[in-house]
Amino acid sequence: MVRRVLLPACGIESFTVIGPDLRPVELVDEYLAWLTDCERSPNTVEAYAYDLRAFWMFLTDRGLSWDRVGVMELGEFAAWARRPAANVIVLAEESARLSARTVNRMLSGVVGFYEFQARRGSTLAQDLVLRTRSGRGGYKPFLHGIARGRQRGRAVRLPERQSLPSTLSLEQVAAVIDCQERLRDRFLFALLASTGMRIGQALGLRHEDVLAWERRIVIRAREDSPRRARSKGGAEGGVPVAAELMRLWNDYMHEEYRDLDCDFVFVNLWAAGSGGRCRIRTSTGSWSARGRRSASGSPRICCGIPTRRWRTAMASGLR
């Protein structure tokens, strides 16, 4: 199992993997702590923790040791991760338990673990990394740039199906916004829809980032965010917004936020721990908890910002 921990030296959030003996897996724990010390995103460290937990489950199921793994075992791990059951062989993409992209990310986490062990002197890990990594590294052969070189791909990698991400229509976005019963949630979904911000960027907004007189939202990368609401990759900049969004923000500030003393725009106003900052899981689950469908199958519409007004405002912003 994966457990969230705080490093004793600095108090920074990290993760660890608990083994069958109810103790942290020492090698994995050291690797995840190293990723945290290198200031990797907590989301990345958490994802790698779950990937290595699955890899350790595979090693236990096969009776293997981590230092006896080769390219063939990595291929078996990829097939094991895709199977919906132990006695099922995946023949079609639709029947697989995990997508090829997810399995490739898991393989990247596992290879990164072996690369860490290789830097610590493990000869088997060094050999495995050389067999699984693509490219030539820093070496450039004779006539580099003149003669056509042969590209070397990663030895263990599943082919991914290229597909465009699915998007919501303006009517669907307006229905999601209208079915929210609270101004805070309406403002959050309207902000995401009209600006294209990530959920971490939105939850990390502070009052100084909302320039209402300029109708602009400033995105700042803050690494000290205690709840992992950060801008991915350190992206920063300003996003112009419509006047309708600023009116919704103004209504939220005056009717629900009021005189609360907090630096963050999105805060917990009703549940346990009122006055604290919103968490990503709490915010993403707000619509699924309150935006239920009616008996007729259509989204429940609550009074608030008219759908036509929002559809017009977002359409003009997209143009």
C-alpha atoms as a PDB file:
ATOM      1  CA  MET A   1       0.000   0.000   0.000  1.00  0.00           C
ATOM      2  CA  VAL A   2       1.020   3.625  -0.513  1.00  0.00           C
ATOM      3  CA  ARG A   3       1.213   5.978   2.445  1.00  0.00           C
ATOM      4  CA  ARG A   4       1.731   9.722   2.632  1.00  0.00           C
ATOM      5  CA  VAL A   5       4.622  10.762   4.872  1.00  0.00           C
ATOM      6  CA  LEU A   6       6.455  13.905   5.904  1.00  0.00           C
ATOM      7  CA  LEU A   7      10.237  13.931   5.664  1.00  0.00           C
ATOM      8  CA  PRO A   8      11.617  14.455   9.192  1.00  0.00           C
ATOM      9  CA  ALA A   9      14.466  16.708   8.105  1.00  0.00           C
ATOM     10  CA  CYS A  10      12.395  19.358   6.294  1.00  0.00           C
ATOM     11  CA  GLY A  11       8.738  18.426   6.822  1.00  0.00           C
ATOM     12  CA  ILE A  12       8.061  18.169   3.070  1.00  0.00           C
ATOM     13  CA  GLU A  13       5.301  15.866   1.860  1.00  0.00           C
ATOM     14  CA  SER A  14       6.415  12.595   0.269  1.00  0.00           C
ATOM     15  CA  PHE A  15       5.165   9.016  -0.167  1.00  0.00           C
ATOM     16  CA  THR A  16       6.309   5.523   0.670  1.00  0.00           C
ATOM     17  CA  VAL A  17       5.299   1.954  -0.194  1.00  0.00           C
ATOM     18  CA  ILE A  18       4.392  -0.459   2.635  1.00  0.00           C
ATOM     19  CA  GLY A  19       5.318  -4.093   2.073  1.00  0.00           C
ATOM     20  CA  PRO A  20       3.556  -7.289   3.226  1.00  0.00           C
ATOM     21  CA  ASP A  21       5.515  -7.109   6.520  1.00  0.00           C
ATOM     22  CA  LEU A  22       3.832  -3.736   7.223  1.00  0.00           C
ATOM     23  CA  ARG A  23       7.169  -1.952   6.897  1.00  0.00           C
ATOM     24  CA  PRO A  24       8.313   0.498   4.217  1.00  0.00           C
ATOM     25  CA  VAL A  25      10.086  -1.070   1.269  1.00  0.00           C
ATOM     26  CA  GLU A  26      13.524   0.380   1.902  1.00  0.00           C
ATOM     27  CA  LEU A  27      14.748   0.643  -1.696  1.00  0.00           C
ATOM     28  CA  VAL A  28      11.529   2.253  -2.912  1.00  0.00           C
ATOM     29  CA  ASP A  29      11.426   4.560   0.100  1.00  0.00           C
ATOM     30  CA  GLU A  30      14.933   5.824  -0.635  1.00  0.00           C
ATOM     31  CA  TYR A  31      14.084   6.425  -4.291  1.00  0.00           C
ATOM     32  CA  LEU A  32      10.887   8.352  -3.502  1.00  0.00           C
ATOM     33  CA  ALA A  33      12.712  10.406  -0.873  1.00  0.00           C
ATOM     34  CA  TRP A  34      15.383  11.214  -3.472  1.00  0.00           C
ATOM     35  CA  LEU A  35      12.711  12.384  -5.917  1.00  0.00           C
ATOM     36  CA  THR A  36      11.265  14.625  -3.207  1.00  0.00           C
ATOM     37  CA  ASP A  37      14.718  16.040  -2.396  1.00  0.00           C
ATOM     38  CA  CYS A  38      15.138  16.813  -6.116  1.00  0.00           C
ATOM     39  CA  GLU A  39      11.941  18.926  -5.869  1.00  0.00           C
ATOM     40  CA  ARG A  40       9.862  16.701  -8.114  1.00  0.00           C
ATOM     41  CA  SER A  41       6.159  17.454  -8.047  1.00  0.00           C
ATOM     42  CA  PRO A  42       4.295  15.643  -5.225  1.00  0.00           C
ATOM     43  CA  ASN A  43       1.851  14.395  -7.854  1.00  0.00           C
ATOM     44  CA  THR A  44       4.746  12.778  -9.741  1.00  0.00           C
ATOM     45  CA  VAL A  45       6.133  11.204  -6.570  1.00  0.00           C
ATOM     46  CA  GLU A  46       2.695   9.825  -5.684  1.00  0.00           C
ATOM     47  CA  ALA A  47       2.209   8.389  -9.179  1.00  0.00           C
ATOM     48  CA  TYR A  48       5.642   6.711  -9.075  1.00  0.00           C
ATOM     49  CA  ALA A  49       4.802   5.288  -5.648  1.00  0.00           C
ATOM     50  CA  TYR A  50       1.706   3.557  -7.018  1.00  0.00           C
ATOM     51  CA  ASP A  51       3.658   2.363 -10.069  1.00  0.00           C
ATOM     52  CA  LEU A  52       6.385   0.825  -7.913  1.00  0.00           C
ATOM     53  CA  ARG A  53       3.768  -0.719  -5.639  1.00  0.00           C
ATOM     54  CA  ALA A  54       2.306  -2.489  -8.680  1.00  0.00           C
ATOM     55  CA  PHE A  55       5.807  -3.553  -9.760  1.00  0.00           C
ATOM     56  CA  TRP A  56       6.546  -4.996  -6.324  1.00  0.00           C
ATOM     57  CA  MET A  57       3.247  -6.879  -6.415  1.00  0.00           C
ATOM     58  CA  PHE A  58       4.325  -8.332  -9.772  1.00  0.00           C
ATOM     59  CA  LEU A  59       7.699  -9.401  -8.333  1.00  0.00           C
ATOM     60  CA  THR A  60       5.960 -11.083  -5.392  1.00  0.00           C
ATOM     61  CA  ASP A  61       3.508 -12.826  -7.699  1.00  0.00           C
ATOM     62  CA  ARG A  62       6.339 -14.153  -9.877  1.00  0.00           C
ATOM     63  CA  GLY A  63       8.700 -14.920  -6.993  1.00  0.00           C
ATOM     64  CA  LEU A  64      11.381 -12.605  -8.385  1.00  0.00           C
ATOM     65  CA  SER A  65      13.894 -10.335  -6.741  1.00  0.00           C
ATOM     66  CA  TRP A  66      14.303  -6.747  -7.904  1.00  0.00           C
ATOM     67  CA  ASP A  67      17.993  -7.331  -8.750  1.00  0.00           C
ATOM     68  CA  ARG A  68      17.172 -10.298 -11.012  1.00  0.00           C
ATOM     69  CA  VAL A  69      14.987  -8.397 -13.466  1.00  0.00           C
ATOM     70  CA  GLY A  70      15.809  -8.073 -17.146  1.00  0.00           C
ATOM     71  CA  VAL A  71      14.136  -6.772 -20.273  1.00  0.00           C
ATOM     72  CA  MET A  72      12.046  -9.944 -20.555  1.00  0.00           C
ATOM     73  CA  GLU A  73      10.656  -9.489 -17.041  1.00  0.00           C
ATOM     74  CA  LEU A  74       9.765  -5.879 -17.807  1.00  0.00           C
ATOM     75  CA  GLY A  75       7.812  -7.064 -20.831  1.00  0.00           C
ATOM     76  CA  GLU A  76       5.986  -9.570 -18.636  1.00  0.00           C
ATOM     77  CA  PHE A  77       5.216  -6.776 -16.179  1.00  0.00           C
ATOM     78  CA  ALA A  78       3.681  -4.691 -18.960  1.00  0.00           C
ATOM     79  CA  ALA A  79       1.468  -7.624 -19.986  1.00  0.00           C
ATOM     80  CA  TRP A  80       0.606  -8.328 -16.319  1.00  0.00           C
ATOM     81  CA  ALA A  81      -0.489  -4.725 -15.762  1.00  0.00           C
ATOM     82  CA  ARG A  82      -2.792  -4.857 -18.795  1.00  0.00           C
ATOM     83  CA  ARG A  83      -4.604  -8.041 -17.864  1.00  0.00           C
ATOM     84  CA  PRO A  84      -8.013  -7.626 -16.216  1.00  0.00           C
ATOM     85  CA  ALA A  85      -7.490 -11.035 -14.527  1.00  0.00           C
ATOM     86  CA  ALA A  86      -4.651 -13.500 -14.065  1.00  0.00           C
ATOM     87  CA  ASN A  87      -6.142 -16.042 -16.499  1.00  0.00           C
ATOM     88  CA  VAL A  88      -7.028 -13.506 -19.230  1.00  0.00           C
ATOM     89  CA  ILE A  89      -4.868 -12.545 -22.207  1.00  0.00           C
ATOM     90  CA  VAL A  90      -5.545  -9.122 -23.687  1.00  0.00           C
ATOM     91  CA  LEU A  91      -6.373  -9.313 -27.394  1.00  0.00           C
ATOM     92  CA  ALA A  92      -7.990  -5.881 -27.884  1.00  0.00           C
ATOM     93  CA  GLU A  93      -7.364  -2.419 -26.459  1.00  0.00           C
ATOM     94  CA  GLU A  94     -10.931  -2.200 -25.136  1.00  0.00           C
ATOM     95  CA  SER A  95     -10.528  -5.308 -22.956  1.00  0.00           C
ATOM     96  CA  ALA A  96      -7.307  -4.176 -21.257  1.00  0.00           C
ATOM     97  CA  ARG A  97      -7.432  -3.112 -17.610  1.00  0.00           C
ATOM     98  CA  LEU A  98      -5.032  -0.204 -18.205  1.00  0.00           C
ATOM     99  CA  SER A  99      -4.337   1.786 -21.338  1.00  0.00           C
ATOM    100  CA  ALA A 100      -1.021   1.579 -23.153  1.00  0.00           C
ATOM    101  CA  ARG A 101      -0.196   5.151 -22.138  1.00  0.00           C
ATOM    102  CA  THR A 102      -0.701   4.324 -18.461  1.00  0.00           C
ATOM    103  CA  VAL A 103       1.477   1.226 -18.686  1.00  0.00           C
ATOM    104  CA  ASN A 104       4.230   3.195 -20.444  1.00  0.00           C
ATOM    105  CA  ARG A 105       4.158   5.709 -17.609  1.00  0.00           C
ATOM    106  CA  MET A 106       4.474   2.843 -15.130  1.00  0.00           C
ATOM    107  CA  LEU A 107       7.452   1.512 -17.069  1.00  0.00           C
ATOM    108  CA  SER A 108       9.057   4.961 -16.959  1.00  0.00           C
ATOM    109  CA  GLY A 109       8.726   4.986 -13.184  1.00  0.00           C
ATOM    110  CA  VAL A 110      10.230   1.503 -12.882  1.00  0.00           C
ATOM    111  CA  VAL A 111      13.130   2.323 -15.221  1.00  0.00           C
ATOM    112  CA  GLY A 112      13.720   5.524 -13.249  1.00  0.00           C
ATOM    113  CA  PHE A 113      14.001   3.418 -10.099  1.00  0.00           C
ATOM    114  CA  TYR A 114      16.611   1.198 -11.754  1.00  0.00           C
ATOM    115  CA  GLU A 115      18.456   4.244 -13.039  1.00  0.00           C
ATOM    116  CA  PHE A 116      18.671   5.485  -9.449  1.00  0.00           C
ATOM    117  CA  GLN A 117      20.047   2.133  -8.346  1.00  0.00           C
ATOM    118  CA  ALA A 118      22.519   2.182 -11.251  1.00  0.00           C
ATOM    119  CA  ARG A 119      23.883   5.526 -10.068  1.00  0.00           C
ATOM    120  CA  ARG A 120      24.402   3.917  -6.681  1.00  0.00           C
ATOM    121  CA  GLY A 121      26.598   1.206  -8.191  1.00  0.00           C
ATOM    122  CA  SER A 122      24.274  -1.677  -9.072  1.00  0.00           C
ATOM    123  CA  THR A 123      25.795  -3.353 -12.151  1.00  0.00           C
ATOM    124  CA  LEU A 124      22.570  -5.187 -13.056  1.00  0.00           C
ATOM    125  CA  ALA A 125      20.623  -1.939 -12.879  1.00  0.00           C
ATOM    126  CA  GLN A 126      23.201  -0.267 -15.120  1.00  0.00           C
ATOM    127  CA  ASP A 127      22.823  -3.008 -17.723  1.00  0.00           C
ATOM    128  CA  LEU A 128      19.026  -2.826 -17.552  1.00  0.00           C
ATOM    129  CA  VAL A 129      19.021   0.951 -17.981  1.00  0.00           C
ATOM    130  CA  LEU A 130      21.275   0.723 -21.035  1.00  0.00           C
ATOM    131  CA  ARG A 131      18.911  -1.809 -22.604  1.00  0.00           C
ATOM    132  CA  THR A 132      15.742   0.164 -21.927  1.00  0.00           C
ATOM    133  CA  ARG A 133      16.769   3.758 -22.502  1.00  0.00           C
ATOM    134  CA  SER A 134      16.578   5.218 -26.010  1.00  0.00           C
ATOM    135  CA  GLY A 135      19.062   7.483 -27.745  1.00  0.00           C
ATOM    136  CA  ARG A 136      22.843   7.610 -27.681  1.00  0.00           C
ATOM    137  CA  GLY A 137      23.338   9.845 -24.655  1.00  0.00           C
ATOM    138  CA  GLY A 138      26.175  12.342 -25.080  1.00  0.00           C
ATOM    139  CA  TYR A 139      28.110  10.214 -27.595  1.00  0.00           C
ATOM    140  CA  LYS A 140      28.131  11.344 -31.244  1.00  0.00           C
ATOM    141  CA  PRO A 141      29.519   8.899 -33.808  1.00  0.00           C
ATOM    142  CA  PHE A 142      31.698   9.726 -36.806  1.00  0.00           C
ATOM    143  CA  LEU A 143      29.875  11.695 -39.557  1.00  0.00           C
ATOM    144  CA  HIS A 144      27.172  12.660 -37.080  1.00  0.00           C
ATOM    145  CA  GLY A 145      24.680  14.906 -38.846  1.00  0.00           C
ATOM    146  CA  ILE A 146      25.766  13.772 -42.328  1.00  0.00           C
ATOM    147  CA  ALA A 147      25.038  10.078 -42.464  1.00  0.00           C
ATOM    148  CA  ARG A 148      21.539   8.964 -41.582  1.00  0.00           C
ATOM    149  CA  GLY A 149      21.581   7.437 -38.143  1.00  0.00           C
ATOM    150  CA  ARG A 150      19.496   4.522 -37.022  1.00  0.00           C
ATOM    151  CA  GLN A 151      17.101   5.504 -34.288  1.00  0.00           C
ATOM    152  CA  ARG A 152      17.041   3.199 -31.303  1.00  0.00           C
ATOM    153  CA  GLY A 153      13.700   3.047 -29.563  1.00  0.00           C
ATOM    154  CA  ARG A 154      12.980   1.940 -26.015  1.00  0.00           C
ATOM    155  CA  ALA A 155      13.143  -1.820 -25.707  1.00  0.00           C
ATOM    156  CA  VAL A 156      10.029  -2.114 -23.524  1.00  0.00           C
ATOM    157  CA  ARG A 157       7.300   0.238 -24.656  1.00  0.00           C
ATOM    158  CA  LEU A 158       3.742  -0.398 -25.766  1.00  0.00           C
ATOM    159  CA  PRO A 159       2.409   1.262 -28.927  1.00  0.00           C
ATOM    160  CA  GLU A 160      -0.008   4.060 -28.049  1.00  0.00           C
ATOM    161  CA  ARG A 161      -3.128   4.901 -29.985  1.00  0.00           C
ATOM    162  CA  GLN A 162      -3.138   8.567 -30.952  1.00  0.00           C
ATOM    163  CA  SER A 163      -6.447  10.237 -30.191  1.00  0.00           C
ATOM    164  CA  LEU A 164      -7.693  13.758 -29.649  1.00  0.00           C
ATOM    165  CA  PRO A 165      -8.897  14.632 -26.145  1.00  0.00           C
ATOM    166  CA  SER A 166     -12.653  14.813 -25.762  1.00  0.00           C
ATOM    167  CA  THR A 167     -14.088  18.235 -24.985  1.00  0.00           C
ATOM    168  CA  LEU A 168     -17.410  19.558 -23.747  1.00  0.00           C
ATOM    169  CA  SER A 169     -19.690  21.657 -25.872  1.00  0.00           C
ATOM    170  CA  LEU A 170     -20.755  25.107 -24.721  1.00  0.00           C
ATOM    171  CA  GLU A 171     -24.186  23.740 -23.815  1.00  0.00           C
ATOM    172  CA  GLN A 172     -22.644  21.009 -21.660  1.00  0.00           C
ATOM    173  CA  VAL A 173     -20.323  23.477 -19.914  1.00  0.00           C
ATOM    174  CA  ALA A 174     -23.248  25.804 -19.215  1.00  0.00           C
ATOM    175  CA  ALA A 175     -25.271  22.884 -17.806  1.00  0.00           C
ATOM    176  CA  VAL A 176     -22.417  21.948 -15.463  1.00  0.00           C
ATOM    177  CA  ILE A 177     -22.144  25.528 -14.218  1.00  0.00           C
ATOM    178  CA  ASP A 178     -25.877  25.989 -13.773  1.00  0.00           C
ATOM    179  CA  CYS A 179     -26.340  22.802 -11.738  1.00  0.00           C
ATOM    180  CA  GLN A 180     -24.007  24.069  -9.018  1.00  0.00           C
ATOM    181  CA  GLU A 181     -25.876  25.269  -5.960  1.00  0.00           C
ATOM    182  CA  ARG A 182     -23.046  27.402  -4.529  1.00  0.00           C
ATOM    183  CA  LEU A 183     -21.393  30.441  -5.999  1.00  0.00           C
ATOM    184  CA  ARG A 184     -17.938  29.146  -5.123  1.00  0.00           C
ATOM    185  CA  ASP A 185     -18.423  26.027  -7.236  1.00  0.00           C
ATOM    186  CA  ARG A 186     -19.989  27.984 -10.089  1.00  0.00           C
ATOM    187  CA  PHE A 187     -17.038  30.343 -10.114  1.00  0.00           C
ATOM    188  CA  LEU A 188     -14.567  27.440 -10.064  1.00  0.00           C
ATOM    189  CA  PHE A 189     -16.111  25.630 -13.039  1.00  0.00           C
ATOM    190  CA  ALA A 190     -16.643  28.870 -14.945  1.00  0.00           C
ATOM    191  CA  LEU A 191     -13.004  29.804 -14.347  1.00  0.00           C
ATOM    192  CA  LEU A 192     -11.760  26.450 -15.631  1.00  0.00           C
ATOM    193  CA  ALA A 193     -14.013  26.582 -18.692  1.00  0.00           C
ATOM    194  CA  SER A 194     -13.305  30.170 -19.742  1.00  0.00           C
ATOM    195  CA  THR A 195      -9.541  30.306 -19.048  1.00  0.00           C
ATOM    196  CA  GLY A 196      -8.329  26.734 -19.617  1.00  0.00           C
ATOM    197  CA  MET A 197      -6.505  26.731 -16.277  1.00  0.00           C
ATOM    198  CA  ARG A 198      -5.574  23.496 -14.573  1.00  0.00           C
ATOM    199  CA  ILE A 199      -7.339  22.583 -11.349  1.00  0.00           C
ATOM    200  CA  GLY A 200      -4.094  23.041  -9.405  1.00  0.00           C
ATOM    201  CA  GLN A 201      -3.587  26.513 -10.847  1.00  0.00           C
ATOM    202  CA  ALA A 202      -7.156  27.501  -9.975  1.00  0.00           C
ATOM    203  CA  LEU A 203      -7.031  26.226  -6.397  1.00  0.00           C
ATOM    204  CA  GLY A 204      -3.696  27.980  -5.901  1.00  0.00           C
ATOM    205  CA  LEU A 205      -5.125  31.403  -6.738  1.00  0.00           C
ATOM    206  CA  ARG A 206      -4.811  34.102  -4.114  1.00  0.00           C
ATOM    207  CA  HIS A 207      -6.643  37.383  -3.881  1.00  0.00           C
ATOM    208  CA  GLU A 208      -3.677  39.289  -5.274  1.00  0.00           C
ATOM    209  CA  ASP A 209      -3.879  37.178  -8.457  1.00  0.00           C
ATOM    210  CA  VAL A 210      -7.381  38.396  -9.342  1.00  0.00           C
ATOM    211  CA  LEU A 211      -7.065  41.766 -11.097  1.00  0.00           C
ATOM    212  CA  ALA A 212     -10.724  42.658 -11.386  1.00  0.00           C
ATOM    213  CA  TRP A 213     -10.090  46.177 -12.701  1.00  0.00           C
ATOM    214  CA  GLU A 214      -8.072  44.737 -15.587  1.00  0.00           C
ATOM    215  CA  ARG A 215     -10.331  41.696 -16.037  1.00  0.00           C
ATOM    216  CA  ARG A 216      -7.286  39.452 -15.813  1.00  0.00           C
ATOM    217  CA  ILE A 217      -6.224  36.409 -13.788  1.00  0.00           C
ATOM    218  CA  VAL A 218      -2.513  36.062 -13.000  1.00  0.00           C
ATOM    219  CA  ILE A 219      -1.048  32.549 -12.800  1.00  0.00           C
ATOM    220  CA  ARG A 220       1.938  32.287 -10.483  1.00  0.00           C
ATOM    221  CA  ALA A 221       4.054  29.213  -9.748  1.00  0.00           C
ATOM    222  CA  ARG A 222       4.298  28.827  -5.985  1.00  0.00           C
ATOM    223  CA  GLU A 223       6.376  25.873  -4.870  1.00  0.00           C
ATOM    224  CA  ASP A 224       5.478  26.347  -1.201  1.00  0.00           C
ATOM    225  CA  SER A 225       1.840  25.408  -1.673  1.00  0.00           C
ATOM    226  CA  PRO A 226       0.991  22.983   1.171  1.00  0.00           C
ATOM    227  CA  ARG A 227      -1.851  21.268  -0.682  1.00  0.00           C
ATOM    228  CA  ARG A 228      -0.175  20.509  -4.035  1.00  0.00           C
ATOM    229  CA  ALA A 229      -2.217  23.163  -5.816  1.00  0.00           C
ATOM    230  CA  ARG A 230       0.590  24.320  -8.041  1.00  0.00           C
ATOM    231  CA  SER A 231       1.203  25.354 -11.609  1.00  0.00           C
ATOM    232  CA  LYS A 232       2.507  22.354 -13.537  1.00  0.00           C
ATOM    233  CA  GLY A 233       5.989  22.865 -14.919  1.00  0.00           C
ATOM    234  CA  GLY A 234       6.253  26.273 -13.244  1.00  0.00           C
ATOM    235  CA  ALA A 235       4.069  27.917 -15.903  1.00  0.00           C
ATOM    236  CA  GLU A 236       3.243  31.574 -15.252  1.00  0.00           C
ATOM    237  CA  GLY A 237       1.375  34.298 -17.080  1.00  0.00           C
ATOM    238  CA  GLY A 238      -1.837  36.265 -17.243  1.00  0.00           C
ATOM    239  CA  VAL A 239      -5.196  35.223 -18.687  1.00  0.00           C
ATOM    240  CA  PRO A 240      -7.810  37.812 -19.786  1.00  0.00           C
ATOM    241  CA  VAL A 241     -11.321  36.937 -18.666  1.00  0.00           C
ATOM    242  CA  ALA A 242     -14.839  38.061 -19.521  1.00  0.00           C
ATOM    243  CA  ALA A 243     -16.799  40.586 -17.477  1.00  0.00           C
ATOM    244  CA  GLU A 244     -19.335  37.863 -16.607  1.00  0.00           C
ATOM    245  CA  LEU A 245     -16.633  35.917 -14.790  1.00  0.00           C
ATOM    246  CA  MET A 246     -15.645  38.971 -12.758  1.00  0.00           C
ATOM    247  CA  ARG A 247     -19.271  39.530 -11.791  1.00  0.00           C
ATOM    248  CA  LEU A 248     -19.519  35.936 -10.623  1.00  0.00           C
ATOM    249  CA  TRP A 249     -16.309  36.362  -8.603  1.00  0.00           C
ATOM    250  CA  ASN A 250     -17.732  39.536  -7.056  1.00  0.00           C
ATOM    251  CA  ASP A 251     -20.944  37.728  -6.062  1.00  0.00           C
ATOM    252  CA  TYR A 252     -18.925  34.899  -4.527  1.00  0.00           C
ATOM    253  CA  MET A 253     -16.789  37.319  -2.515  1.00  0.00           C
ATOM    254  CA  HIS A 254     -19.749  39.282  -1.132  1.00  0.00           C
ATOM    255  CA  GLU A 255     -22.342  36.544  -0.551  1.00  0.00           C
ATOM    256  CA  GLU A 256     -20.292  33.515   0.546  1.00  0.00           C
ATOM    257  CA  TYR A 257     -16.685  34.511   1.243  1.00  0.00           C
ATOM    258  CA  ARG A 258     -17.556  37.744   3.078  1.00  0.00           C
ATOM    259  CA  ASP A 259     -15.023  38.770   5.751  1.00  0.00           C
ATOM    260  CA  LEU A 260     -13.158  35.468   5.994  1.00  0.00           C
ATOM    261  CA  ASP A 261      -9.456  36.048   6.692  1.00  0.00           C
ATOM    262  CA  CYS A 262      -7.629  33.817   4.192  1.00  0.00           C
ATOM    263  CA  ASP A 263      -5.201  34.464   1.340  1.00  0.00           C
ATOM    264  CA  PHE A 264      -6.713  31.865  -0.997  1.00  0.00           C
ATOM    265  CA  VAL A 265      -9.690  32.453  -3.251  1.00  0.00           C
ATOM    266  CA  PHE A 266     -11.161  28.948  -3.000  1.00  0.00           C
ATOM    267  CA  VAL A 267     -11.694  27.907   0.613  1.00  0.00           C
ATOM    268  CA  ASN A 268     -13.752  25.368   2.509  1.00  0.00           C
ATOM    269  CA  LEU A 269     -16.848  27.216   3.701  1.00  0.00           C
ATOM    270  CA  TRP A 270     -19.266  24.472   4.760  1.00  0.00           C
ATOM    271  CA  ALA A 271     -17.695  21.083   5.478  1.00  0.00           C
ATOM    272  CA  ALA A 272     -15.530  20.082   8.431  1.00  0.00           C
ATOM    273  CA  GLY A 273     -12.559  22.397   8.811  1.00  0.00           C
ATOM    274  CA  SER A 274     -14.439  25.452   7.607  1.00  0.00           C
ATOM    275  CA  GLY A 275     -12.152  28.305   6.645  1.00  0.00           C
ATOM    276  CA  GLY A 276      -9.365  26.079   5.370  1.00  0.00           C
ATOM    277  CA  ARG A 277      -8.142  25.847   1.815  1.00  0.00           C
ATOM    278  CA  CYS A 278      -9.920  23.636  -0.700  1.00  0.00           C
ATOM    279  CA  ARG A 279      -8.309  20.355  -1.644  1.00  0.00           C
ATOM    280  CA  ILE A 280      -8.173  19.004  -5.183  1.00  0.00           C
ATOM    281  CA  ARG A 281     -10.200  15.885  -4.360  1.00  0.00           C
ATOM    282  CA  THR A 282     -12.869  17.941  -2.562  1.00  0.00           C
ATOM    283  CA  SER A 283     -13.230  20.364  -5.467  1.00  0.00           C
ATOM    284  CA  THR A 284     -13.329  17.783  -8.232  1.00  0.00           C
ATOM    285  CA  GLY A 285     -15.974  15.839  -6.345  1.00  0.00           C
ATOM    286  CA  SER A 286     -18.278  18.820  -5.776  1.00  0.00           C
ATOM    287  CA  TRP A 287     -20.172  18.466  -9.058  1.00  0.00           C
ATOM    288  CA  SER A 288     -20.443  14.682  -8.845  1.00  0.00           C
ATOM    289  CA  ALA A 289     -21.998  15.049  -5.388  1.00  0.00           C
ATOM    290  CA  ARG A 290     -24.466  17.837  -6.164  1.00  0.00           C
ATOM    291  CA  GLY A 291     -24.841  17.797  -9.945  1.00  0.00           C
ATOM    292  CA  ARG A 292     -26.967  14.653 -10.039  1.00  0.00           C
ATOM    293  CA  ARG A 293     -29.363  14.066 -12.872  1.00  0.00           C
ATOM    294  CA  SER A 294     -33.066  14.373 -12.488  1.00  0.00           C
ATOM    295  CA  ALA A 295     -35.581  11.586 -13.181  1.00  0.00           C
ATOM    296  CA  SER A 296     -35.899  12.740 -16.771  1.00  0.00           C
ATOM    297  CA  GLY A 297     -32.156  12.238 -17.346  1.00  0.00           C
ATOM    298  CA  SER A 298     -31.284  15.912 -17.886  1.00  0.00           C
ATOM    299  CA  PRO A 299     -28.905  17.784 -15.545  1.00  0.00           C
ATOM    300  CA  ARG A 300     -30.619  19.528 -12.670  1.00  0.00           C
ATOM    301  CA  ILE A 301     -30.632  23.281 -13.374  1.00  0.00           C
ATOM    302  CA  CYS A 302     -30.529  25.709 -10.471  1.00  0.00           C
ATOM    303  CA  CYS A 303     -31.229  29.416 -10.572  1.00  0.00           C
ATOM    304  CA  GLY A 304     -28.168  31.557 -11.107  1.00  0.00           C
ATOM    305  CA  ILE A 305     -26.293  32.755 -14.148  1.00  0.00           C
ATOM    306  CA  PRO A 306     -28.441  32.216 -17.252  1.00  0.00           C
ATOM    307  CA  THR A 307     -27.177  29.535 -19.601  1.00  0.00           C
ATOM    308  CA  ARG A 308     -27.542  31.751 -22.660  1.00  0.00           C
ATOM    309  CA  ARG A 309     -25.437  34.500 -21.107  1.00  0.00           C
ATOM    310  CA  TRP A 310     -22.578  32.151 -20.286  1.00  0.00           C
ATOM    311  CA  ARG A 311     -22.736  30.479 -23.671  1.00  0.00           C
ATOM    312  CA  THR A 312     -22.470  33.873 -25.373  1.00  0.00           C
ATOM    313  CA  ALA A 313     -19.641  35.032 -23.117  1.00  0.00           C
ATOM    314  CA  MET A 314     -17.541  31.881 -23.612  1.00  0.00           C
ATOM    315  CA  ALA A 315     -18.199  31.778 -27.342  1.00  0.00           C
ATOM    316  CA  SER A 316     -16.984  35.357 -27.726  1.00  0.00           C
ATOM    317  CA  GLY A 317     -13.894  34.482 -25.665  1.00  0.00           C
ATOM    318  CA  LEU A 318     -13.103  31.504 -27.882  1.00  0.00           C
ATOM    319  CA  ARG A 319     -13.273  33.655 -30.979  1.00  0.00           C
END
